Amino acid sequence: MKKVFLAIVIVLVAFIGFGLFQASKIQNLQIVKSVIIKGSQKEVFDMVRYLNNFPKWSPFLAEDPSQKYEVKGIDGTVGASYHWVGNGGEDVGHQTIMQIDTLNFIGMKCDIQKPFAAQPTFDYSFKQTPNGIEVTQDFKLQSGLVDSFFMWAFGAVKEMENTNQKGLELMKKAVEK
């Protein structure tokens, strides 16, 4: 019986040690995704700049159509914010426009209160290419070691990557329709 208990303890300690090592690699998480959109630079830029357009390409609203949202401040300007409450009050937060370089760049900061506290940033850059406008989304999130451990344990990074790409694909669809 002692050997079984000892084996379980060793496996558990190894799992936690490996998990903490993996978590330390994602404490400063960055996910960069891009999409090419056929449309004018202004049309593509305005799809991101004007927060009232976000429901047209929000991957979160696509997953939870009952989500409640509102834009506060002067839409399309620094300081404007998009507030949401979804999943019966289990998802709560807002994102605020922090910087605008017209037709080239939009920087946003999120304040997620539920289901966990986080303050990621989303930077969008826009570049004319022969095939259309390339939109690059640069997502950054700093987390503590414990939060990073749970992100690693539950595969949250892959889920975030998929969600970010889905949002860009929905943006493409909204502009090109």
N, C-alpha and C. Protein backbone atom coordinates (compact mmCIF):
# COMPACT_ATOMS: atom_id res chain seq x y z
N MET A 1 0.83 -1.19 0.00
CA MET A 1 0.00 0.00 0.00
C MET A 1 0.87 1.26 0.00
N LYS A 2 1.97 1.22 0.77
CA LYS A 2 2.88 2.36 0.82
C LYS A 2 3.48 2.65 -0.54
N LYS A 3 3.81 1.61 -1.29
CA LYS A 3 4.41 1.77 -2.61
C LYS A 3 3.43 2.42 -3.59
N VAL A 4 2.18 2.05 -3.52
CA VAL A 4 1.16 2.65 -4.38
C VAL A 4 1.00 4.14 -4.04
N PHE A 5 0.92 4.44 -2.75
CA PHE A 5 0.80 5.83 -2.32
C PHE A 5 2.02 6.64 -2.75
N LEU A 6 3.21 6.08 -2.56
CA LEU A 6 4.44 6.75 -2.96
C LEU A 6 4.48 6.98 -4.47
N ALA A 7 4.04 6.00 -5.24
CA ALA A 7 4.01 6.14 -6.70
C ALA A 7 3.05 7.26 -7.12
N ILE A 8 1.90 7.34 -6.46
CA ILE A 8 0.92 8.39 -6.76
C ILE A 8 1.51 9.76 -6.43
N VAL A 9 2.17 9.88 -5.30
CA VAL A 9 2.79 11.15 -4.89
C VAL A 9 3.86 11.55 -5.90
N ILE A 10 4.68 10.60 -6.31
CA ILE A 10 5.75 10.91 -7.28
C ILE A 10 5.16 11.38 -8.60
N VAL A 11 4.12 10.70 -9.09
CA VAL A 11 3.48 11.10 -10.35
C VAL A 11 2.86 12.49 -10.21
N LEU A 12 2.19 12.73 -9.09
CA LEU A 12 1.57 14.03 -8.85
C LEU A 12 2.61 15.15 -8.79
N VAL A 13 3.69 14.93 -8.08
CA VAL A 13 4.76 15.94 -7.98
C VAL A 13 5.38 16.18 -9.36
N ALA A 14 5.60 15.11 -10.12
CA ALA A 14 6.16 15.25 -11.47
C ALA A 14 5.22 16.05 -12.36
N PHE A 15 3.91 15.75 -12.28
CA PHE A 15 2.93 16.48 -13.09
C PHE A 15 2.93 17.97 -12.73
N ILE A 16 2.89 18.27 -11.46
CA ILE A 16 2.88 19.67 -11.02
C ILE A 16 4.18 20.37 -11.42
N GLY A 17 5.31 19.69 -11.23
CA GLY A 17 6.60 20.28 -11.64
C GLY A 17 6.66 20.56 -13.13
N PHE A 18 6.24 19.58 -13.93
CA PHE A 18 6.22 19.77 -15.39
C PHE A 18 5.24 20.88 -15.77
N GLY A 19 4.07 20.88 -15.12
CA GLY A 19 3.07 21.91 -15.39
C GLY A 19 3.56 23.31 -15.07
N LEU A 20 4.25 23.46 -13.95
CA LEU A 20 4.78 24.78 -13.59
C LEU A 20 5.88 25.21 -14.56
N PHE A 21 6.68 24.25 -15.02
CA PHE A 21 7.69 24.58 -16.03
C PHE A 21 7.02 25.06 -17.31
N GLN A 22 5.99 24.34 -17.77
CA GLN A 22 5.26 24.75 -18.98
C GLN A 22 4.54 26.09 -18.77
N ALA A 23 3.98 26.27 -17.59
CA ALA A 23 3.27 27.52 -17.28
C ALA A 23 4.21 28.72 -17.30
N SER A 24 5.45 28.51 -16.85
CA SER A 24 6.39 29.64 -16.84
C SER A 24 6.66 30.15 -18.26
N LYS A 25 6.45 29.30 -19.26
CA LYS A 25 6.68 29.70 -20.66
C LYS A 25 5.53 30.51 -21.23
N ILE A 26 4.36 30.48 -20.57
CA ILE A 26 3.22 31.23 -21.11
C ILE A 26 2.77 32.36 -20.18
N GLN A 27 3.61 32.72 -19.23
CA GLN A 27 3.26 33.85 -18.36
C GLN A 27 3.17 35.15 -19.14
N ASN A 28 3.99 35.31 -20.16
CA ASN A 28 3.94 36.46 -21.06
C ASN A 28 3.51 35.94 -22.42
N LEU A 29 2.22 35.76 -22.57
CA LEU A 29 1.65 35.14 -23.76
C LEU A 29 1.44 36.17 -24.87
N GLN A 30 1.82 35.79 -26.07
CA GLN A 30 1.57 36.63 -27.25
C GLN A 30 1.05 35.72 -28.36
N ILE A 31 -0.08 36.12 -28.93
CA ILE A 31 -0.69 35.39 -30.05
C ILE A 31 -0.87 36.38 -31.19
N VAL A 32 -0.23 36.11 -32.31
CA VAL A 32 -0.33 36.99 -33.48
C VAL A 32 -1.05 36.22 -34.58
N LYS A 33 -2.14 36.80 -35.08
CA LYS A 33 -2.93 36.20 -36.15
C LYS A 33 -3.17 37.25 -37.23
N SER A 34 -3.31 36.80 -38.48
CA SER A 34 -3.55 37.73 -39.59
C SER A 34 -4.60 37.17 -40.52
N VAL A 35 -5.19 38.09 -41.29
CA VAL A 35 -6.14 37.72 -42.33
C VAL A 35 -6.05 38.77 -43.43
N ILE A 36 -6.27 38.34 -44.66
CA ILE A 36 -6.34 39.27 -45.81
C ILE A 36 -7.82 39.48 -46.13
N ILE A 37 -8.22 40.75 -46.20
CA ILE A 37 -9.62 41.09 -46.46
C ILE A 37 -9.71 41.93 -47.73
N LYS A 38 -10.61 41.52 -48.61
CA LYS A 38 -10.85 42.29 -49.84
C LYS A 38 -11.83 43.41 -49.49
N GLY A 39 -11.33 44.63 -49.51
CA GLY A 39 -12.11 45.80 -49.18
C GLY A 39 -11.17 46.99 -49.13
N SER A 40 -11.74 48.17 -49.00
CA SER A 40 -10.88 49.35 -48.91
C SER A 40 -10.24 49.40 -47.52
N GLN A 41 -9.11 50.08 -47.43
CA GLN A 41 -8.42 50.19 -46.15
C GLN A 41 -9.32 50.88 -45.13
N LYS A 42 -10.06 51.90 -45.56
CA LYS A 42 -10.96 52.61 -44.66
C LYS A 42 -12.08 51.70 -44.16
N GLU A 43 -12.66 50.93 -45.06
CA GLU A 43 -13.76 50.04 -44.68
C GLU A 43 -13.29 48.99 -43.66
N VAL A 44 -12.12 48.40 -43.91
CA VAL A 44 -11.58 47.39 -43.01
C VAL A 44 -11.20 48.04 -41.67
N PHE A 45 -10.52 49.17 -41.73
CA PHE A 45 -10.11 49.89 -40.53
C PHE A 45 -11.33 50.26 -39.68
N ASP A 46 -12.36 50.78 -40.32
CA ASP A 46 -13.56 51.21 -39.60
C ASP A 46 -14.32 50.03 -38.98
N MET A 47 -14.17 48.83 -39.53
CA MET A 47 -14.82 47.66 -38.93
C MET A 47 -14.27 47.42 -37.52
N VAL A 48 -13.01 47.75 -37.30
CA VAL A 48 -12.41 47.60 -35.97
C VAL A 48 -12.58 48.88 -35.16
N ARG A 49 -12.37 50.01 -35.79
CA ARG A 49 -12.39 51.29 -35.07
C ARG A 49 -13.74 51.56 -34.39
N TYR A 50 -14.81 51.32 -35.11
CA TYR A 50 -16.14 51.60 -34.56
C TYR A 50 -16.64 50.38 -33.80
N LEU A 51 -16.69 50.50 -32.50
CA LEU A 51 -17.02 49.37 -31.63
C LEU A 51 -18.44 48.87 -31.86
N ASN A 52 -19.32 49.72 -32.40
CA ASN A 52 -20.66 49.25 -32.73
C ASN A 52 -20.62 48.20 -33.84
N ASN A 53 -19.50 48.08 -34.56
CA ASN A 53 -19.34 47.03 -35.57
C ASN A 53 -18.90 45.69 -34.96
N PHE A 54 -18.40 45.69 -33.74
CA PHE A 54 -17.85 44.47 -33.15
C PHE A 54 -18.84 43.30 -33.15
N PRO A 55 -20.13 43.53 -32.89
CA PRO A 55 -21.05 42.39 -32.94
C PRO A 55 -21.08 41.68 -34.29
N LYS A 56 -20.68 42.35 -35.35
CA LYS A 56 -20.66 41.71 -36.68
C LYS A 56 -19.55 40.68 -36.79
N TRP A 57 -18.51 40.78 -35.95
CA TRP A 57 -17.37 39.87 -36.07
C TRP A 57 -16.87 39.32 -34.74
N SER A 58 -17.64 39.49 -33.69
CA SER A 58 -17.25 39.01 -32.37
C SER A 58 -17.38 37.48 -32.28
N PRO A 59 -16.29 36.78 -32.02
CA PRO A 59 -16.40 35.33 -31.85
C PRO A 59 -17.16 34.97 -30.57
N PHE A 60 -17.17 35.87 -29.61
CA PHE A 60 -17.86 35.62 -28.35
C PHE A 60 -19.37 35.73 -28.52
N LEU A 61 -19.81 36.72 -29.29
CA LEU A 61 -21.24 36.88 -29.57
C LEU A 61 -21.73 35.73 -30.46
N ALA A 62 -20.87 35.25 -31.36
CA ALA A 62 -21.23 34.11 -32.19
C ALA A 62 -21.48 32.87 -31.33
N GLU A 63 -20.71 32.71 -30.25
CA GLU A 63 -20.88 31.57 -29.34
C GLU A 63 -22.03 31.78 -28.37
N ASP A 64 -22.32 33.03 -28.02
CA ASP A 64 -23.36 33.35 -27.05
C ASP A 64 -24.22 34.49 -27.60
N PRO A 65 -25.18 34.18 -28.50
CA PRO A 65 -26.00 35.23 -29.12
C PRO A 65 -26.85 36.02 -28.12
N SER A 66 -27.02 35.51 -26.90
CA SER A 66 -27.81 36.25 -25.90
C SER A 66 -26.97 37.27 -25.13
N GLN A 67 -25.69 37.36 -25.47
CA GLN A 67 -24.80 38.31 -24.79
C GLN A 67 -25.34 39.74 -24.91
N LYS A 68 -25.29 40.46 -23.82
CA LYS A 68 -25.70 41.87 -23.80
C LYS A 68 -24.45 42.73 -23.93
N TYR A 69 -24.57 43.82 -24.70
CA TYR A 69 -23.40 44.69 -24.90
C TYR A 69 -23.86 46.12 -25.11
N GLU A 70 -22.93 47.03 -24.86
CA GLU A 70 -23.17 48.44 -25.15
C GLU A 70 -21.83 49.14 -25.35
N VAL A 71 -21.86 50.19 -26.16
CA VAL A 71 -20.69 51.01 -26.40
C VAL A 71 -20.85 52.28 -25.56
N LYS A 72 -19.81 52.62 -24.82
CA LYS A 72 -19.81 53.83 -24.00
C LYS A 72 -18.76 54.78 -24.54
N GLY A 73 -19.01 56.07 -24.41
CA GLY A 73 -18.10 57.08 -24.94
C GLY A 73 -18.44 57.37 -26.39
N ILE A 74 -17.57 58.10 -27.05
CA ILE A 74 -17.78 58.46 -28.46
C ILE A 74 -17.15 57.36 -29.32
N ASP A 75 -18.02 56.59 -29.96
CA ASP A 75 -17.57 55.44 -30.74
C ASP A 75 -16.54 55.86 -31.78
N GLY A 76 -15.50 55.05 -31.90
CA GLY A 76 -14.47 55.30 -32.91
C GLY A 76 -13.37 56.24 -32.44
N THR A 77 -13.38 56.62 -31.15
CA THR A 77 -12.36 57.53 -30.63
C THR A 77 -11.64 56.88 -29.45
N VAL A 78 -10.45 57.39 -29.14
CA VAL A 78 -9.72 56.93 -27.97
C VAL A 78 -10.60 57.16 -26.74
N GLY A 79 -10.71 56.13 -25.92
CA GLY A 79 -11.54 56.19 -24.72
C GLY A 79 -12.88 55.50 -24.86
N ALA A 80 -13.34 55.28 -26.09
CA ALA A 80 -14.60 54.55 -26.28
C ALA A 80 -14.41 53.12 -25.81
N SER A 81 -15.46 52.55 -25.24
CA SER A 81 -15.34 51.19 -24.73
C SER A 81 -16.57 50.35 -25.05
N TYR A 82 -16.32 49.08 -25.24
CA TYR A 82 -17.34 48.08 -25.55
C TYR A 82 -17.50 47.21 -24.30
N HIS A 83 -18.68 47.24 -23.70
CA HIS A 83 -18.95 46.49 -22.47
C HIS A 83 -19.83 45.30 -22.79
N TRP A 84 -19.55 44.15 -22.14
CA TRP A 84 -20.36 42.97 -22.39
C TRP A 84 -20.67 42.22 -21.09
N VAL A 85 -21.81 41.53 -21.13
CA VAL A 85 -22.20 40.59 -20.09
C VAL A 85 -22.79 39.40 -20.84
N GLY A 86 -22.20 38.23 -20.65
CA GLY A 86 -22.67 37.05 -21.37
C GLY A 86 -22.78 35.83 -20.48
N ASN A 87 -23.25 34.77 -21.07
CA ASN A 87 -23.42 33.48 -20.38
C ASN A 87 -24.11 33.64 -19.03
N GLY A 88 -25.25 34.35 -19.06
CA GLY A 88 -26.03 34.53 -17.84
C GLY A 88 -25.30 35.27 -16.75
N GLY A 89 -24.43 36.20 -17.11
CA GLY A 89 -23.69 37.00 -16.13
C GLY A 89 -22.36 36.40 -15.74
N GLU A 90 -21.99 35.27 -16.35
CA GLU A 90 -20.72 34.61 -16.02
C GLU A 90 -19.53 35.18 -16.80
N ASP A 91 -19.79 35.90 -17.88
CA ASP A 91 -18.74 36.57 -18.66
C ASP A 91 -18.99 38.07 -18.59
N VAL A 92 -18.07 38.80 -18.00
CA VAL A 92 -18.24 40.24 -17.81
C VAL A 92 -16.92 40.95 -18.09
N GLY A 93 -17.00 42.06 -18.82
CA GLY A 93 -15.80 42.85 -19.04
C GLY A 93 -16.03 43.97 -20.02
N HIS A 94 -14.94 44.63 -20.38
CA HIS A 94 -15.02 45.67 -21.41
C HIS A 94 -13.65 45.82 -22.07
N GLN A 95 -13.68 46.37 -23.28
CA GLN A 95 -12.43 46.70 -23.98
C GLN A 95 -12.51 48.16 -24.36
N THR A 96 -11.37 48.82 -24.27
CA THR A 96 -11.31 50.27 -24.48
C THR A 96 -10.27 50.59 -25.55
N ILE A 97 -10.63 51.50 -26.44
CA ILE A 97 -9.66 51.96 -27.45
C ILE A 97 -8.65 52.86 -26.75
N MET A 98 -7.37 52.50 -26.86
CA MET A 98 -6.30 53.24 -26.18
C MET A 98 -5.50 54.10 -27.16
N GLN A 99 -5.45 53.69 -28.44
CA GLN A 99 -4.62 54.39 -29.42
C GLN A 99 -5.19 54.18 -30.81
N ILE A 100 -5.16 55.23 -31.61
CA ILE A 100 -5.58 55.15 -33.01
C ILE A 100 -4.57 55.89 -33.87
N ASP A 101 -4.07 55.22 -34.90
CA ASP A 101 -3.28 55.84 -35.97
C ASP A 101 -4.10 55.55 -37.23
N THR A 102 -4.87 56.53 -37.66
CA THR A 102 -5.87 56.34 -38.70
C THR A 102 -5.35 55.56 -39.90
N LEU A 103 -6.13 54.52 -40.23
CA LEU A 103 -5.91 53.57 -41.32
C LEU A 103 -4.73 52.62 -41.10
N ASN A 104 -3.97 52.78 -40.01
CA ASN A 104 -2.79 51.96 -39.79
C ASN A 104 -2.81 51.09 -38.53
N PHE A 105 -3.36 51.62 -37.43
CA PHE A 105 -3.20 50.93 -36.14
C PHE A 105 -4.32 51.30 -35.18
N ILE A 106 -4.77 50.30 -34.41
CA ILE A 106 -5.71 50.51 -33.31
C ILE A 106 -5.22 49.66 -32.15
N GLY A 107 -5.04 50.29 -30.99
CA GLY A 107 -4.64 49.56 -29.78
C GLY A 107 -5.79 49.55 -28.79
N MET A 108 -6.10 48.37 -28.26
CA MET A 108 -7.18 48.22 -27.29
C MET A 108 -6.68 47.48 -26.06
N LYS A 109 -7.28 47.82 -24.94
CA LYS A 109 -6.99 47.12 -23.70
C LYS A 109 -8.31 46.55 -23.18
N CYS A 110 -8.28 45.29 -22.78
CA CYS A 110 -9.46 44.64 -22.20
C CYS A 110 -9.34 44.60 -20.69
N ASP A 111 -10.48 44.63 -20.06
CA ASP A 111 -10.56 44.41 -18.62
C ASP A 111 -11.62 43.34 -18.43
N ILE A 112 -11.16 42.10 -18.27
CA ILE A 112 -12.07 40.98 -18.08
C ILE A 112 -12.24 40.78 -16.57
N GLN A 113 -13.50 40.78 -16.13
CA GLN A 113 -13.76 40.59 -14.70
C GLN A 113 -14.23 39.18 -14.38
N LYS A 114 -14.98 38.57 -15.30
CA LYS A 114 -15.46 37.19 -15.14
C LYS A 114 -15.31 36.47 -16.46
N PRO A 115 -15.05 35.22 -16.52
CA PRO A 115 -14.99 34.24 -15.45
C PRO A 115 -13.68 34.26 -14.67
N PHE A 116 -12.73 35.07 -15.10
CA PHE A 116 -11.46 35.24 -14.40
C PHE A 116 -11.01 36.66 -14.65
N ALA A 117 -10.13 37.17 -13.83
CA ALA A 117 -9.63 38.54 -14.01
C ALA A 117 -8.41 38.51 -14.93
N ALA A 118 -8.43 39.37 -15.95
CA ALA A 118 -7.30 39.47 -16.87
C ALA A 118 -7.37 40.82 -17.57
N GLN A 119 -6.22 41.32 -18.01
CA GLN A 119 -6.13 42.59 -18.73
C GLN A 119 -5.29 42.43 -20.00
N PRO A 120 -5.78 41.65 -20.96
CA PRO A 120 -5.03 41.50 -22.21
C PRO A 120 -5.12 42.76 -23.07
N THR A 121 -4.20 42.86 -24.02
CA THR A 121 -4.27 43.93 -25.02
C THR A 121 -4.45 43.30 -26.39
N PHE A 122 -5.11 44.04 -27.26
CA PHE A 122 -5.29 43.67 -28.66
C PHE A 122 -4.81 44.84 -29.50
N ASP A 123 -3.78 44.63 -30.28
CA ASP A 123 -3.30 45.65 -31.21
C ASP A 123 -3.60 45.17 -32.62
N TYR A 124 -4.20 46.05 -33.41
CA TYR A 124 -4.55 45.73 -34.79
C TYR A 124 -3.76 46.64 -35.71
N SER A 125 -3.09 46.04 -36.69
CA SER A 125 -2.41 46.83 -37.71
C SER A 125 -3.01 46.48 -39.06
N PHE A 126 -2.99 47.45 -39.96
CA PHE A 126 -3.64 47.35 -41.26
C PHE A 126 -2.63 47.71 -42.33
N LYS A 127 -2.50 46.81 -43.33
CA LYS A 127 -1.49 47.02 -44.37
C LYS A 127 -2.08 46.66 -45.72
N GLN A 128 -1.90 47.56 -46.67
CA GLN A 128 -2.35 47.32 -48.05
C GLN A 128 -1.43 46.28 -48.68
N THR A 129 -2.01 45.26 -49.30
CA THR A 129 -1.25 44.25 -50.05
C THR A 129 -1.89 44.12 -51.42
N PRO A 130 -1.23 43.46 -52.37
CA PRO A 130 -1.85 43.26 -53.69
C PRO A 130 -3.15 42.45 -53.63
N ASN A 131 -3.32 41.64 -52.58
CA ASN A 131 -4.51 40.79 -52.47
C ASN A 131 -5.61 41.38 -51.59
N GLY A 132 -5.36 42.52 -50.98
CA GLY A 132 -6.33 43.14 -50.09
C GLY A 132 -5.64 43.74 -48.88
N ILE A 133 -6.43 44.01 -47.85
CA ILE A 133 -5.91 44.61 -46.63
C ILE A 133 -5.53 43.48 -45.66
N GLU A 134 -4.27 43.49 -45.25
CA GLU A 134 -3.85 42.51 -44.24
C GLU A 134 -4.08 43.12 -42.87
N VAL A 135 -4.91 42.43 -42.09
CA VAL A 135 -5.17 42.83 -40.71
C VAL A 135 -4.39 41.87 -39.83
N THR A 136 -3.54 42.43 -38.98
CA THR A 136 -2.77 41.62 -38.04
C THR A 136 -3.22 41.98 -36.63
N GLN A 137 -3.61 40.94 -35.90
CA GLN A 137 -4.03 41.11 -34.51
C GLN A 137 -2.91 40.57 -33.62
N ASP A 138 -2.44 41.42 -32.72
CA ASP A 138 -1.37 41.06 -31.79
C ASP A 138 -1.97 41.08 -30.37
N PHE A 139 -2.20 39.90 -29.84
CA PHE A 139 -2.81 39.72 -28.52
C PHE A 139 -1.71 39.45 -27.51
N LYS A 140 -1.76 40.17 -26.38
CA LYS A 140 -0.76 39.98 -25.32
C LYS A 140 -1.47 39.85 -23.98
N LEU A 141 -0.97 38.90 -23.17
CA LEU A 141 -1.54 38.68 -21.85
C LEU A 141 -0.42 38.29 -20.90
N GLN A 142 -0.32 39.02 -19.80
CA GLN A 142 0.63 38.66 -18.75
C GLN A 142 -0.17 38.03 -17.61
N SER A 143 0.34 36.90 -17.13
CA SER A 143 -0.36 36.16 -16.07
C SER A 143 0.63 35.73 -15.00
N GLY A 144 0.10 35.50 -13.82
CA GLY A 144 0.90 34.93 -12.74
C GLY A 144 1.13 33.45 -13.02
N LEU A 145 2.03 32.84 -12.29
CA LEU A 145 2.39 31.44 -12.50
C LEU A 145 1.20 30.51 -12.26
N VAL A 146 0.41 30.77 -11.23
CA VAL A 146 -0.74 29.90 -10.94
C VAL A 146 -1.77 29.99 -12.06
N ASP A 147 -2.09 31.21 -12.51
CA ASP A 147 -3.04 31.36 -13.62
C ASP A 147 -2.50 30.68 -14.87
N SER A 148 -1.22 30.84 -15.13
CA SER A 148 -0.60 30.21 -16.30
C SER A 148 -0.64 28.69 -16.20
N PHE A 149 -0.49 28.16 -14.99
CA PHE A 149 -0.58 26.71 -14.79
C PHE A 149 -1.95 26.20 -15.21
N PHE A 150 -3.00 26.90 -14.78
CA PHE A 150 -4.35 26.47 -15.14
C PHE A 150 -4.62 26.66 -16.63
N MET A 151 -4.08 27.73 -17.23
CA MET A 151 -4.21 27.90 -18.69
C MET A 151 -3.55 26.72 -19.40
N TRP A 152 -2.38 26.29 -18.93
CA TRP A 152 -1.69 25.15 -19.53
C TRP A 152 -2.49 23.87 -19.31
N ALA A 153 -2.93 23.65 -18.08
CA ALA A 153 -3.62 22.41 -17.72
C ALA A 153 -4.92 22.22 -18.50
N PHE A 154 -5.61 23.30 -18.80
CA PHE A 154 -6.90 23.21 -19.48
C PHE A 154 -6.82 23.56 -20.97
N GLY A 155 -5.61 23.72 -21.50
CA GLY A 155 -5.45 23.98 -22.94
C GLY A 155 -6.01 25.31 -23.39
N ALA A 156 -5.99 26.29 -22.52
CA ALA A 156 -6.58 27.59 -22.82
C ALA A 156 -5.86 28.34 -23.94
N VAL A 157 -4.57 28.13 -24.09
CA VAL A 157 -3.83 28.86 -25.12
C VAL A 157 -4.33 28.48 -26.50
N LYS A 158 -4.52 27.21 -26.76
CA LYS A 158 -5.03 26.76 -28.06
C LYS A 158 -6.43 27.32 -28.29
N GLU A 159 -7.24 27.34 -27.25
CA GLU A 159 -8.59 27.89 -27.35
C GLU A 159 -8.54 29.38 -27.69
N MET A 160 -7.62 30.12 -27.05
CA MET A 160 -7.47 31.55 -27.35
C MET A 160 -7.02 31.76 -28.79
N GLU A 161 -6.07 30.95 -29.25
CA GLU A 161 -5.61 31.05 -30.64
C GLU A 161 -6.77 30.84 -31.61
N ASN A 162 -7.57 29.81 -31.36
CA ASN A 162 -8.72 29.51 -32.22
C ASN A 162 -9.76 30.63 -32.19
N THR A 163 -10.01 31.16 -31.01
CA THR A 163 -10.99 32.24 -30.87
C THR A 163 -10.52 33.49 -31.62
N ASN A 164 -9.24 33.85 -31.47
CA ASN A 164 -8.72 35.03 -32.16
C ASN A 164 -8.80 34.87 -33.67
N GLN A 165 -8.44 33.68 -34.18
CA GLN A 165 -8.52 33.45 -35.62
C GLN A 165 -9.98 33.48 -36.10
N LYS A 166 -10.88 32.92 -35.31
CA LYS A 166 -12.30 32.94 -35.66
C LYS A 166 -12.81 34.38 -35.77
N GLY A 167 -12.38 35.24 -34.85
CA GLY A 167 -12.79 36.65 -34.91
C GLY A 167 -12.32 37.31 -36.19
N LEU A 168 -11.08 37.05 -36.60
CA LEU A 168 -10.57 37.64 -37.84
C LEU A 168 -11.32 37.10 -39.05
N GLU A 169 -11.65 35.82 -39.04
CA GLU A 169 -12.41 35.24 -40.15
C GLU A 169 -13.82 35.83 -40.22
N LEU A 170 -14.43 36.06 -39.06
CA LEU A 170 -15.75 36.70 -39.03
C LEU A 170 -15.66 38.14 -39.52
N MET A 171 -14.56 38.84 -39.21
CA MET A 171 -14.36 40.19 -39.70
C MET A 171 -14.28 40.18 -41.22
N LYS A 172 -13.53 39.26 -41.76
CA LYS A 172 -13.37 39.12 -43.21
C LYS A 172 -14.74 38.91 -43.86
N LYS A 173 -15.51 38.01 -43.28
CA LYS A 173 -16.85 37.71 -43.79
C LYS A 173 -17.76 38.94 -43.74
N ALA A 174 -17.68 39.71 -42.64
CA ALA A 174 -18.53 40.89 -42.48
C ALA A 174 -18.18 41.97 -43.51
N VAL A 175 -16.88 42.15 -43.79
CA VAL A 175 -16.48 43.18 -44.75
C VAL A 175 -16.77 42.73 -46.19
N GLU A 176 -16.52 41.48 -46.49
CA GLU A 176 -16.61 41.01 -47.87
C GLU A 176 -18.03 40.63 -48.31
N LYS A 177 -18.99 40.63 -47.40
CA LYS A 177 -20.36 40.21 -47.79
C LYS A 177 -21.00 41.08 -48.81
